[in-house]
């Protein structure tokens, strides 16, 4: 489901992040997109947390693209993911995954053991 939901990020020419907020049955409550620059995009933990609370979410899935075509998470991606998961956990919201999307590949930070 998540890969299909974020498929539009694959063709973006600038980095874009999307966060989907989910209810206890993993139904979509809402979504936020933030468009960045050529090689980075910024979204704050505070913004994600405020959205999660506003939607009454218990789960979230984040994705962003790498227009370079390399879906390898950067050190910044890993650090932010860990900080976001910890911050959301304090609000009883689970970060289910963070996907890095490139043209032909998707990397799951959950599968890597980071989330």
PDB file of N, CA and C in Angstrom:
ATOM      1  N   UNK A   1       0.815  -1.196   0.000  1.00  0.00           N
ATOM      2  CA  UNK A   1       0.000   0.000   0.000  1.00  0.00           C
ATOM      3  C   UNK A   1       0.859   1.260   0.000  1.00  0.00           C
ATOM      4  N   UNK A   2       1.858   1.311   0.888  1.00  0.00           N
ATOM      5  CA  UNK A   2       2.656   2.529   1.025  1.00  0.00           C
ATOM      6  C   UNK A   2       3.413   2.847  -0.254  1.00  0.00           C
ATOM      7  N   UNK A   3       3.974   1.826  -0.889  1.00  0.00           N
ATOM      8  CA  UNK A   3       4.741   2.078  -2.119  1.00  0.00           C
ATOM      9  C   UNK A   3       3.844   2.677  -3.199  1.00  0.00           C
ATOM     10  N   UNK A   4       2.636   2.174  -3.333  1.00  0.00           N
ATOM     11  CA  UNK A   4       1.711   2.705  -4.329  1.00  0.00           C
ATOM     12  C   UNK A   4       1.287   4.130  -3.960  1.00  0.00           C
ATOM     13  N   UNK A   5       1.069   4.360  -2.677  1.00  0.00           N
ATOM     14  CA  UNK A   5       0.639   5.668  -2.205  1.00  0.00           C
ATOM     15  C   UNK A   5       1.669   6.751  -2.509  1.00  0.00           C
ATOM     16  N   UNK A   6       2.942   6.393  -2.422  1.00  0.00           N
ATOM     17  CA  UNK A   6       4.017   7.362  -2.618  1.00  0.00           C
ATOM     18  C   UNK A   6       4.648   7.298  -4.012  1.00  0.00           C
ATOM     19  N   UNK A   7       4.058   6.533  -4.922  1.00  0.00           N
ATOM     20  CA  UNK A   7       4.637   6.343  -6.254  1.00  0.00           C
ATOM     21  C   UNK A   7       4.882   7.656  -6.990  1.00  0.00           C
ATOM     22  N   UNK A   8       4.066   8.668  -6.750  1.00  0.00           N
ATOM     23  CA  UNK A   8       4.229   9.956  -7.412  1.00  0.00           C
ATOM     24  C   UNK A   8       5.531  10.659  -7.080  1.00  0.00           C
ATOM     25  N   UNK A   9       6.146  10.288  -5.971  1.00  0.00           N
ATOM     26  CA  UNK A   9       7.414  10.912  -5.592  1.00  0.00           C
ATOM     27  C   UNK A   9       8.552  10.478  -6.511  1.00  0.00           C
ATOM     28  N   UNK A  10       8.396   9.328  -7.136  1.00  0.00           N
ATOM     29  CA  UNK A  10       9.460   8.750  -7.965  1.00  0.00           C
ATOM     30  C   UNK A  10       9.902   9.691  -9.080  1.00  0.00           C
ATOM     31  N   UNK A  11       8.972  10.416  -9.677  1.00  0.00           N
ATOM     32  CA  UNK A  11       9.298  11.248 -10.834  1.00  0.00           C
ATOM     33  C   UNK A  11       9.537  12.716 -10.504  1.00  0.00           C
ATOM     34  N   UNK A  12       9.449  13.079  -9.235  1.00  0.00           N
ATOM     35  CA  UNK A  12       9.660  14.484  -8.853  1.00  0.00           C
ATOM     36  C   UNK A  12      11.108  14.885  -9.129  1.00  0.00           C
ATOM     37  N   UNK A  13      11.316  16.097  -9.601  1.00  0.00           N
ATOM     38  CA  UNK A  13      12.664  16.564  -9.942  1.00  0.00           C
ATOM     39  C   UNK A  13      13.348  17.280  -8.787  1.00  0.00           C
ATOM     40  N   UNK A  14      12.605  17.565  -7.717  1.00  0.00           N
ATOM     41  CA  UNK A  14      13.178  18.124  -6.496  1.00  0.00           C
ATOM     42  C   UNK A  14      12.771  17.210  -5.348  1.00  0.00           C
ATOM     43  N   UNK A  15      13.540  17.245  -4.270  1.00  0.00           N
ATOM     44  CA  UNK A  15      13.195  16.400  -3.135  1.00  0.00           C
ATOM     45  C   UNK A  15      11.862  16.833  -2.553  1.00  0.00           C
ATOM     46  N   UNK A  16      11.035  15.860  -2.307  1.00  0.00           N
ATOM     47  CA  UNK A  16       9.709  16.070  -1.754  1.00  0.00           C
ATOM     48  C   UNK A  16       9.485  15.027  -0.675  1.00  0.00           C
ATOM     49  N   UNK A  17       8.908  15.445   0.434  1.00  0.00           N
ATOM     50  CA  UNK A  17       8.586  14.512   1.509  1.00  0.00           C
ATOM     51  C   UNK A  17       7.071  14.441   1.640  1.00  0.00           C
ATOM     52  N   UNK A  18       6.590  13.257   1.966  1.00  0.00           N
ATOM     53  CA  UNK A  18       5.163  13.061   2.215  1.00  0.00           C
ATOM     54  C   UNK A  18       5.031  12.235   3.485  1.00  0.00           C
ATOM     55  N   UNK A  19       4.076  12.606   4.310  1.00  0.00           N
ATOM     56  CA  UNK A  19       3.786  11.851   5.535  1.00  0.00           C
ATOM     57  C   UNK A  19       2.309  11.513   5.519  1.00  0.00           C
ATOM     58  N   UNK A  20       2.010  10.248   5.727  1.00  0.00           N
ATOM     59  CA  UNK A  20       0.634   9.774   5.795  1.00  0.00           C
ATOM     60  C   UNK A  20       0.338   9.447   7.254  1.00  0.00           C
ATOM     61  N   UNK A  21      -0.806   9.909   7.720  1.00  0.00           N
ATOM     62  CA  UNK A  21      -1.226   9.703   9.106  1.00  0.00           C
ATOM     63  C   UNK A  21      -2.341   8.665   9.129  1.00  0.00           C
ATOM     64  N   UNK A  22      -2.243   7.702  10.039  1.00  0.00           N
ATOM     65  CA  UNK A  22      -3.132   6.546  10.041  1.00  0.00           C
ATOM     66  C   UNK A  22      -3.880   6.372  11.353  1.00  0.00           C
ATOM     67  N   UNK A  23      -5.085   5.797  11.245  1.00  0.00           N
ATOM     68  CA  UNK A  23      -5.873   5.463  12.433  1.00  0.00           C
ATOM     69  C   UNK A  23      -5.474   4.069  12.933  1.00  0.00           C
ATOM     70  N   UNK A  24      -6.079   3.578  14.010  1.00  0.00           N
ATOM     71  CA  UNK A  24      -5.686   2.261  14.545  1.00  0.00           C
ATOM     72  C   UNK A  24      -5.868   1.105  13.552  1.00  0.00           C
ATOM     73  N   UNK A  25      -6.738   1.274  12.575  1.00  0.00           N
ATOM     74  CA  UNK A  25      -6.945   0.235  11.554  1.00  0.00           C
ATOM     75  C   UNK A  25      -6.118   0.485  10.300  1.00  0.00           C
ATOM     76  N   UNK A  26      -5.176   1.402  10.401  1.00  0.00           N
ATOM     77  CA  UNK A  26      -4.276   1.788   9.312  1.00  0.00           C
ATOM     78  C   UNK A  26      -5.007   2.372   8.108  1.00  0.00           C
ATOM     79  N   UNK A  27      -6.115   3.030   8.397  1.00  0.00           N
ATOM     80  CA  UNK A  27      -6.806   3.800   7.368  1.00  0.00           C
ATOM     81  C   UNK A  27      -6.213   5.209   7.362  1.00  0.00           C
ATOM     82  N   UNK A  28      -6.177   5.809   6.202  1.00  0.00           N
ATOM     83  CA  UNK A  28      -5.574   7.133   6.046  1.00  0.00           C
ATOM     84  C   UNK A  28      -6.481   8.211   6.617  1.00  0.00           C
ATOM     85  N   UNK A  29      -5.912   8.993   7.518  1.00  0.00           N
ATOM     86  CA  UNK A  29      -6.618  10.136   8.101  1.00  0.00           C
ATOM     87  C   UNK A  29      -6.260  11.434   7.378  1.00  0.00           C
ATOM     88  N   UNK A  30      -5.041  11.518   6.891  1.00  0.00           N
ATOM     89  CA  UNK A  30      -4.579  12.728   6.223  1.00  0.00           C
ATOM     90  C   UNK A  30      -3.168  12.551   5.727  1.00  0.00           C
ATOM     91  N   UNK A  31      -2.714  13.547   4.980  1.00  0.00           N
ATOM     92  CA  UNK A  31      -1.383  13.476   4.377  1.00  0.00           C
ATOM     93  C   UNK A  31      -0.827  14.882   4.229  1.00  0.00           C
ATOM     94  N   UNK A  32       0.477  15.014   4.370  1.00  0.00           N
ATOM     95  CA  UNK A  32       1.153  16.299   4.146  1.00  0.00           C
ATOM     96  C   UNK A  32       2.287  16.081   3.160  1.00  0.00           C
ATOM     97  N   UNK A  33       2.424  17.010   2.207  1.00  0.00           N
ATOM     98  CA  UNK A  33       3.546  17.035   1.271  1.00  0.00           C
ATOM     99  C   UNK A  33       4.333  18.313   1.516  1.00  0.00           C
ATOM    100  N   UNK A  34       5.652  18.202   1.480  1.00  0.00           N
ATOM    101  CA  UNK A  34       6.526  19.367   1.580  1.00  0.00           C
ATOM    102  C   UNK A  34       7.534  19.258   0.444  1.00  0.00           C
ATOM    103  N   UNK A  35       7.612  20.291  -0.373  1.00  0.00           N
ATOM    104  CA  UNK A  35       8.536  20.315  -1.498  1.00  0.00           C
ATOM    105  C   UNK A  35       9.795  21.052  -1.080  1.00  0.00           C
ATOM    106  N   UNK A  36      10.935  20.461  -1.411  1.00  0.00           N
ATOM    107  CA  UNK A  36      12.216  21.044  -1.039  1.00  0.00           C
ATOM    108  C   UNK A  36      12.998  21.508  -2.249  1.00  0.00           C
ATOM    109  N   UNK A  37      14.303  21.360  -2.141  1.00  0.00           N
ATOM    110  CA  UNK A  37      15.195  21.787  -3.213  1.00  0.00           C
ATOM    111  C   UNK A  37      15.727  20.612  -4.011  1.00  0.00           C
ATOM    112  N   UNK A  38      16.755  20.861  -4.755  1.00  0.00           N
ATOM    113  CA  UNK A  38      17.320  19.840  -5.643  1.00  0.00           C
ATOM    114  C   UNK A  38      17.849  18.631  -4.883  1.00  0.00           C
ATOM    115  N   UNK A  39      18.432  18.857  -3.704  1.00  0.00           N
ATOM    116  CA  UNK A  39      19.029  17.709  -3.009  1.00  0.00           C
ATOM    117  C   UNK A  39      18.685  17.628  -1.524  1.00  0.00           C
ATOM    118  N   UNK A  40      17.699  18.386  -1.078  1.00  0.00           N
ATOM    119  CA  UNK A  40      17.240  18.230   0.302  1.00  0.00           C
ATOM    120  C   UNK A  40      15.864  18.845   0.488  1.00  0.00           C
ATOM    121  N   UNK A  41      15.184  18.344   1.519  1.00  0.00           N
ATOM    122  CA  UNK A  41      13.874  18.851   1.889  1.00  0.00           C
ATOM    123  C   UNK A  41      13.825  18.866   3.403  1.00  0.00           C
ATOM    124  N   UNK A  42      13.170  19.861   3.965  1.00  0.00           N
ATOM    125  CA  UNK A  42      13.116  19.974   5.419  1.00  0.00           C
ATOM    126  C   UNK A  42      11.679  19.894   5.902  1.00  0.00           C
ATOM    127  N   UNK A  43      11.467  19.019   6.852  1.00  0.00           N
ATOM    128  CA  UNK A  43      10.206  18.968   7.582  1.00  0.00           C
ATOM    129  C   UNK A  43      10.601  18.756   9.034  1.00  0.00           C
ATOM    130  N   UNK A  44       9.961  19.453   9.928  1.00  0.00           N
ATOM    131  CA  UNK A  44      10.364  19.363  11.328  1.00  0.00           C
ATOM    132  C   UNK A  44       9.591  18.267  12.057  1.00  0.00           C
ATOM    133  N   UNK A  45      10.212  17.755  13.093  1.00  0.00           N
ATOM    134  CA  UNK A  45       9.547  16.785  13.958  1.00  0.00           C
ATOM    135  C   UNK A  45       8.299  17.427  14.543  1.00  0.00           C
ATOM    136  N   UNK A  46       8.395  18.689  14.873  1.00  0.00           N
ATOM    137  CA  UNK A  46       7.250  19.414  15.436  1.00  0.00           C
ATOM    138  C   UNK A  46       6.064  19.409  14.470  1.00  0.00           C
ATOM    139  N   UNK A  47       6.318  19.658  13.188  1.00  0.00           N
ATOM    140  CA  UNK A  47       5.251  19.673  12.188  1.00  0.00           C
ATOM    141  C   UNK A  47       4.580  18.307  12.083  1.00  0.00           C
ATOM    142  N   UNK A  48       5.383  17.253  12.015  1.00  0.00           N
ATOM    143  CA  UNK A  48       4.830  15.901  11.915  1.00  0.00           C
ATOM    144  C   UNK A  48       4.025  15.575  13.174  1.00  0.00           C
ATOM    145  N   UNK A  49       4.555  15.939  14.335  1.00  0.00           N
ATOM    146  CA  UNK A  49       3.861  15.666  15.598  1.00  0.00           C
ATOM    147  C   UNK A  49       2.543  16.439  15.680  1.00  0.00           C
ATOM    148  N   UNK A  50       2.560  17.706  15.285  1.00  0.00           N
ATOM    149  CA  UNK A  50       1.327  18.505  15.330  1.00  0.00           C
ATOM    150  C   UNK A  50       0.268  17.930  14.389  1.00  0.00           C
ATOM    151  N   UNK A  51       0.688  17.514  13.208  1.00  0.00           N
ATOM    152  CA  UNK A  51      -0.249  16.892  12.274  1.00  0.00           C
ATOM    153  C   UNK A  51      -0.823  15.603  12.861  1.00  0.00           C
ATOM    154  N   UNK A  52       0.045  14.780  13.427  1.00  0.00           N
ATOM    155  CA  UNK A  52      -0.406  13.509  13.998  1.00  0.00           C
ATOM    156  C   UNK A  52      -1.448  13.748  15.087  1.00  0.00           C
ATOM    157  N   UNK A  53      -1.205  14.719  15.936  1.00  0.00           N
ATOM    158  CA  UNK A  53      -2.165  15.040  16.994  1.00  0.00           C
ATOM    159  C   UNK A  53      -3.451  15.615  16.419  1.00  0.00           C
ATOM    160  N   UNK A  54      -3.335  16.485  15.423  1.00  0.00           N
ATOM    161  CA  UNK A  54      -4.521  17.097  14.819  1.00  0.00           C
ATOM    162  C   UNK A  54      -5.414  16.047  14.158  1.00  0.00           C
ATOM    163  N   UNK A  55      -4.800  15.044  13.535  1.00  0.00           N
ATOM    164  CA  UNK A  55      -5.566  13.986  12.886  1.00  0.00           C
ATOM    165  C   UNK A  55      -6.009  12.895  13.854  1.00  0.00           C
ATOM    166  N   UNK A  56      -5.470  12.903  15.072  1.00  0.00           N
ATOM    167  CA  UNK A  56      -5.748  11.823  16.011  1.00  0.00           C
ATOM    168  C   UNK A  56      -5.106  10.520  15.565  1.00  0.00           C
ATOM    169  N   UNK A  57      -3.977  10.620  14.896  1.00  0.00           N
ATOM    170  CA  UNK A  57      -3.291   9.453  14.334  1.00  0.00           C
ATOM    171  C   UNK A  57      -2.600   8.626  15.407  1.00  0.00           C
ATOM    172  N   UNK A  58      -2.510   7.330  15.152  1.00  0.00           N
ATOM    173  CA  UNK A  58      -1.733   6.438  16.011  1.00  0.00           C
ATOM    174  C   UNK A  58      -0.525   5.878  15.255  1.00  0.00           C
ATOM    175  N   UNK A  59      -0.477   6.141  13.955  1.00  0.00           N
ATOM    176  CA  UNK A  59       0.633   5.680  13.133  1.00  0.00           C
ATOM    177  C   UNK A  59       0.920   6.659  12.021  1.00  0.00           C
ATOM    178  N   UNK A  60       2.138   6.587  11.505  1.00  0.00           N
ATOM    179  CA  UNK A  60       2.531   7.446  10.394  1.00  0.00           C
ATOM    180  C   UNK A  60       3.540   6.701   9.527  1.00  0.00           C
ATOM    181  N   UNK A  61       3.507   7.007   8.249  1.00  0.00           N
ATOM    182  CA  UNK A  61       4.499   6.507   7.303  1.00  0.00           C
ATOM    183  C   UNK A  61       5.024   7.719   6.553  1.00  0.00           C
ATOM    184  N   UNK A  62       6.343   7.812   6.499  1.00  0.00           N
ATOM    185  CA  UNK A  62       6.981   8.936   5.821  1.00  0.00           C
ATOM    186  C   UNK A  62       7.708   8.417   4.595  1.00  0.00           C
ATOM    187  N   UNK A  63       7.763   9.228   3.564  1.00  0.00           N
ATOM    188  CA  UNK A  63       8.536   8.890   2.368  1.00  0.00           C
ATOM    189  C   UNK A  63       9.107  10.166   1.788  1.00  0.00           C
ATOM    190  N   UNK A  64      10.257  10.034   1.181  1.00  0.00           N
ATOM    191  CA  UNK A  64      10.788  11.151   0.401  1.00  0.00           C
ATOM    192  C   UNK A  64      11.589  10.580  -0.760  1.00  0.00           C
ATOM    193  N   UNK A  65      11.760  11.413  -1.757  1.00  0.00           N
ATOM    194  CA  UNK A  65      12.456  10.947  -2.955  1.00  0.00           C
ATOM    195  C   UNK A  65      13.894  11.446  -2.990  1.00  0.00           C
ATOM    196  N   UNK A  66      14.693  10.750  -3.774  1.00  0.00           N
ATOM    197  CA  UNK A  66      16.044  11.172  -4.108  1.00  0.00           C
ATOM    198  C   UNK A  66      16.085  11.328  -5.628  1.00  0.00           C
ATOM    199  N   UNK A  67      15.969  12.552  -6.136  1.00  0.00           N
ATOM    200  CA  UNK A  67      15.969  12.765  -7.585  1.00  0.00           C
ATOM    201  C   UNK A  67      17.241  12.264  -8.272  1.00  0.00           C
ATOM    202  N   UNK A  68      18.294  12.056  -7.491  1.00  0.00           N
ATOM    203  CA  UNK A  68      19.554  11.556  -8.056  1.00  0.00           C
ATOM    204  C   UNK A  68      19.410  10.147  -8.617  1.00  0.00           C
ATOM    205  N   UNK A  69      18.360   9.425  -8.182  1.00  0.00           N
ATOM    206  CA  UNK A  69      18.169   8.058  -8.638  1.00  0.00           C
ATOM    207  C   UNK A  69      18.744   7.019  -7.696  1.00  0.00           C
ATOM    208  N   UNK A  70      19.406   7.439  -6.642  1.00  0.00           N
ATOM    209  CA  UNK A  70      19.993   6.528  -5.654  1.00  0.00           C
ATOM    210  C   UNK A  70      19.120   6.533  -4.408  1.00  0.00           C
ATOM    211  N   UNK A  71      18.521   5.386  -4.086  1.00  0.00           N
ATOM    212  CA  UNK A  71      17.606   5.304  -2.944  1.00  0.00           C
ATOM    213  C   UNK A  71      18.313   4.985  -1.630  1.00  0.00           C
ATOM    214  N   UNK A  72      19.626   5.118  -1.593  1.00  0.00           N
ATOM    215  CA  UNK A  72      20.371   4.882  -0.363  1.00  0.00           C
ATOM    216  C   UNK A  72      20.117   6.033   0.613  1.00  0.00           C
ATOM    217  N   UNK A  73      19.646   5.729   1.834  1.00  0.00           N
ATOM    218  CA  UNK A  73      19.414   6.800   2.812  1.00  0.00           C
ATOM    219  C   UNK A  73      20.725   7.485   3.198  1.00  0.00           C
ATOM    220  N   UNK A  74      20.672   8.797   3.312  1.00  0.00           N
ATOM    221  CA  UNK A  74      21.848   9.554   3.757  1.00  0.00           C
ATOM    222  C   UNK A  74      21.956   9.466   5.276  1.00  0.00           C
ATOM    223  N   UNK A  75      23.087   9.884   5.806  1.00  0.00           N
ATOM    224  CA  UNK A  75      23.257   9.928   7.261  1.00  0.00           C
ATOM    225  C   UNK A  75      22.212  10.852   7.874  1.00  0.00           C
ATOM    226  N   UNK A  76      21.885  11.934   7.193  1.00  0.00           N
ATOM    227  CA  UNK A  76      20.861  12.872   7.664  1.00  0.00           C
ATOM    228  C   UNK A  76      19.482  12.191   7.681  1.00  0.00           C
ATOM    229  N   UNK A  77      19.183  11.387   6.652  1.00  0.00           N
ATOM    230  CA  UNK A  77      17.917  10.642   6.606  1.00  0.00           C
ATOM    231  C   UNK A  77      17.799   9.707   7.813  1.00  0.00           C
ATOM    232  N   UNK A  78      18.864   8.997   8.101  1.00  0.00           N
ATOM    233  CA  UNK A  78      18.866   8.035   9.212  1.00  0.00           C
ATOM    234  C   UNK A  78      18.699   8.756  10.545  1.00  0.00           C
ATOM    235  N   UNK A  79      19.460   9.824  10.751  1.00  0.00           N
ATOM    236  CA  UNK A  79      19.389  10.569  12.016  1.00  0.00           C
ATOM    237  C   UNK A  79      17.990  11.160  12.216  1.00  0.00           C
ATOM    238  N   UNK A  80      17.418  11.746  11.160  1.00  0.00           N
ATOM    239  CA  UNK A  80      16.090  12.333  11.286  1.00  0.00           C
ATOM    240  C   UNK A  80      15.052  11.259  11.582  1.00  0.00           C
ATOM    241  N   UNK A  81      15.154  10.130  10.918  1.00  0.00           N
ATOM    242  CA  UNK A  81      14.198   9.041  11.128  1.00  0.00           C
ATOM    243  C   UNK A  81      14.222   8.571  12.572  1.00  0.00           C
ATOM    244  N   UNK A  82      15.396   8.390  13.109  1.00  0.00           N
ATOM    245  CA  UNK A  82      15.507   7.949  14.517  1.00  0.00           C
ATOM    246  C   UNK A  82      14.922   8.989  15.459  1.00  0.00           C
ATOM    247  N   UNK A  83      15.225  10.258  15.218  1.00  0.00           N
ATOM    248  CA  UNK A  83      14.710  11.326  16.082  1.00  0.00           C
ATOM    249  C   UNK A  83      13.192  11.442  15.955  1.00  0.00           C
ATOM    250  N   UNK A  84      12.676  11.330  14.734  1.00  0.00           N
ATOM    251  CA  UNK A  84      11.234  11.415  14.522  1.00  0.00           C
ATOM    252  C   UNK A  84      10.518  10.252  15.204  1.00  0.00           C
ATOM    253  N   UNK A  85      11.034   9.047  15.053  1.00  0.00           N
ATOM    254  CA  UNK A  85      10.404   7.876  15.683  1.00  0.00           C
ATOM    255  C   UNK A  85      10.363   8.045  17.197  1.00  0.00           C
ATOM    256  N   UNK A  86      11.445   8.530  17.782  1.00  0.00           N
ATOM    257  CA  UNK A  86      11.488   8.735  19.233  1.00  0.00           C
ATOM    258  C   UNK A  86      10.519   9.820  19.671  1.00  0.00           C
ATOM    259  N   UNK A  87      10.482  10.916  18.924  1.00  0.00           N
ATOM    260  CA  UNK A  87       9.574  12.007  19.266  1.00  0.00           C
ATOM    261  C   UNK A  87       8.118  11.602  19.166  1.00  0.00           C
ATOM    262  N   UNK A  88       7.767  10.898  18.098  1.00  0.00           N
ATOM    263  CA  UNK A  88       6.384  10.449  17.942  1.00  0.00           C
ATOM    264  C   UNK A  88       5.994   9.432  19.007  1.00  0.00           C
ATOM    265  N   UNK A  89       6.940   8.587  19.378  1.00  0.00           N
ATOM    266  CA  UNK A  89       6.672   7.566  20.403  1.00  0.00           C
ATOM    267  C   UNK A  89       6.208   8.208  21.709  1.00  0.00           C
ATOM    268  N   UNK A  90       6.742   9.376  22.036  1.00  0.00           N
ATOM    269  CA  UNK A  90       6.328  10.060  23.264  1.00  0.00           C
ATOM    270  C   UNK A  90       4.873  10.512  23.194  1.00  0.00           C
ATOM    271  N   UNK A  91       4.333  10.608  21.973  1.00  0.00           N
ATOM    272  CA  UNK A  91       2.936  10.998  21.772  1.00  0.00           C
ATOM    273  C   UNK A  91       2.043   9.793  21.493  1.00  0.00           C
ATOM    274  N   UNK A  92       2.610   8.595  21.659  1.00  0.00           N
ATOM    275  CA  UNK A  92       1.906   7.336  21.397  1.00  0.00           C
ATOM    276  C   UNK A  92       1.513   7.200  19.931  1.00  0.00           C
ATOM    277  N   UNK A  93       2.396   7.679  19.069  1.00  0.00           N
ATOM    278  CA  UNK A  93       2.249   7.535  17.618  1.00  0.00           C
ATOM    279  C   UNK A  93       3.449   6.729  17.135  1.00  0.00           C
ATOM    280  N   UNK A  94       3.197   5.723  16.320  1.00  0.00           N
ATOM    281  CA  UNK A  94       4.262   4.855  15.834  1.00  0.00           C
ATOM    282  C   UNK A  94       4.648   5.267  14.412  1.00  0.00           C
ATOM    283  N   UNK A  95       5.946   5.499  14.200  1.00  0.00           N
ATOM    284  CA  UNK A  95       6.454   5.689  12.847  1.00  0.00           C
ATOM    285  C   UNK A  95       6.632   4.297  12.262  1.00  0.00           C
ATOM    286  N   UNK A  96       5.750   3.912  11.359  1.00  0.00           N
ATOM    287  CA  UNK A  96       5.747   2.558  10.813  1.00  0.00           C
ATOM    288  C   UNK A  96       6.863   2.331   9.803  1.00  0.00           C
ATOM    289  N   UNK A  97       7.212   3.351   9.051  1.00  0.00           N
ATOM    290  CA  UNK A  97       8.302   3.217   8.084  1.00  0.00           C
ATOM    291  C   UNK A  97       8.675   4.589   7.554  1.00  0.00           C
ATOM    292  N   UNK A  98       9.858   4.660   6.989  1.00  0.00           N
ATOM    293  CA  UNK A  98      10.333   5.810   6.224  1.00  0.00           C
ATOM    294  C   UNK A  98      10.908   5.224   4.949  1.00  0.00           C
ATOM    295  N   UNK A  99      10.326   5.584   3.830  1.00  0.00           N
ATOM    296  CA  UNK A  99      10.755   5.070   2.536  1.00  0.00           C
ATOM    297  C   UNK A  99      11.556   6.131   1.795  1.00  0.00           C
ATOM    298  N   UNK A 100      12.651   5.710   1.191  1.00  0.00           N
ATOM    299  CA  UNK A 100      13.419   6.583   0.308  1.00  0.00           C
ATOM    300  C   UNK A 100      13.174   6.061  -1.101  1.00  0.00           C
ATOM    301  N   UNK A 101      12.644   6.931  -1.946  1.00  0.00           N
ATOM    302  CA  UNK A 101      12.188   6.535  -3.272  1.00  0.00           C
ATOM    303  C   UNK A 101      13.070   7.163  -4.338  1.00  0.00           C
ATOM    304  N   UNK A 102      13.545   6.327  -5.250  1.00  0.00           N
ATOM    305  CA  UNK A 102      14.276   6.803  -6.417  1.00  0.00           C
ATOM    306  C   UNK A 102      13.570   6.255  -7.645  1.00  0.00           C
ATOM    307  N   UNK A 103      14.080   6.539  -8.796  1.00  0.00           N
ATOM    308  CA  UNK A 103      13.402   6.173 -10.038  1.00  0.00           C
ATOM    309  C   UNK A 103      13.046   4.689 -10.082  1.00  0.00           C
ATOM    310  N   UNK A 104      14.006   3.822  -9.850  1.00  0.00           N
ATOM    311  CA  UNK A 104      13.777   2.386 -10.003  1.00  0.00           C
ATOM    312  C   UNK A 104      13.875   1.590  -8.710  1.00  0.00           C
ATOM    313  N   UNK A 105      14.010   2.257  -7.587  1.00  0.00           N
ATOM    314  CA  UNK A 105      14.155   1.513  -6.340  1.00  0.00           C
ATOM    315  C   UNK A 105      13.532   2.256  -5.164  1.00  0.00           C
ATOM    316  N   UNK A 106      13.197   1.480  -4.148  1.00  0.00           N
ATOM    317  CA  UNK A 106      12.653   2.011  -2.893  1.00  0.00           C
ATOM    318  C   UNK A 106      13.410   1.340  -1.755  1.00  0.00           C
ATOM    319  N   UNK A 107      13.865   2.149  -0.807  1.00  0.00           N
ATOM    320  CA  UNK A 107      14.530   1.612   0.367  1.00  0.00           C
ATOM    321  C   UNK A 107      13.669   1.870   1.583  1.00  0.00           C
ATOM    322  N   UNK A 108      13.422   0.836   2.356  1.00  0.00           N
ATOM    323  CA  UNK A 108      12.646   0.930   3.586  1.00  0.00           C
ATOM    324  C   UNK A 108      13.595   1.001   4.769  1.00  0.00           C
ATOM    325  N   UNK A 109      13.506   2.084   5.534  1.00  0.00           N
ATOM    326  CA  UNK A 109      14.337   2.187   6.717  1.00  0.00           C
ATOM    327  C   UNK A 109      13.881   1.193   7.798  1.00  0.00           C
ATOM    328  N   UNK A 110      12.626   0.763   7.758  1.00  0.00           N
ATOM    329  CA  UNK A 110      12.163  -0.288   8.663  1.00  0.00           C
ATOM    330  C   UNK A 110      12.882  -1.596   8.326  1.00  0.00           C
ATOM    331  N   UNK A 111      12.946  -1.935   7.039  1.00  0.00           N
ATOM    332  CA  UNK A 111      13.606  -3.161   6.631  1.00  0.00           C
ATOM    333  C   UNK A 111      15.086  -3.141   6.999  1.00  0.00           C
ATOM    334  N   UNK A 112      15.666  -1.950   7.044  1.00  0.00           N
ATOM    335  CA  UNK A 112      17.081  -1.800   7.422  1.00  0.00           C
ATOM    336  C   UNK A 112      17.273  -1.863   8.931  1.00  0.00           C
ATOM    337  N   UNK A 113      16.172  -1.893   9.701  1.00  0.00           N
ATOM    338  CA  UNK A 113      16.268  -1.937  11.163  1.00  0.00           C
ATOM    339  C   UNK A 113      16.449  -0.590  11.815  1.00  0.00           C
ATOM    340  N   UNK A 114      16.219   0.480  11.083  1.00  0.00           N
ATOM    341  CA  UNK A 114      16.420   1.833  11.612  1.00  0.00           C
ATOM    342  C   UNK A 114      15.165   2.335  12.325  1.00  0.00           C
ATOM    343  N   UNK A 115      13.996   1.960  11.850  1.00  0.00           N
ATOM    344  CA  UNK A 115      12.744   2.367  12.482  1.00  0.00           C
ATOM    345  C   UNK A 115      12.330   1.268  13.440  1.00  0.00           C
TER     346      UNK A 115
END
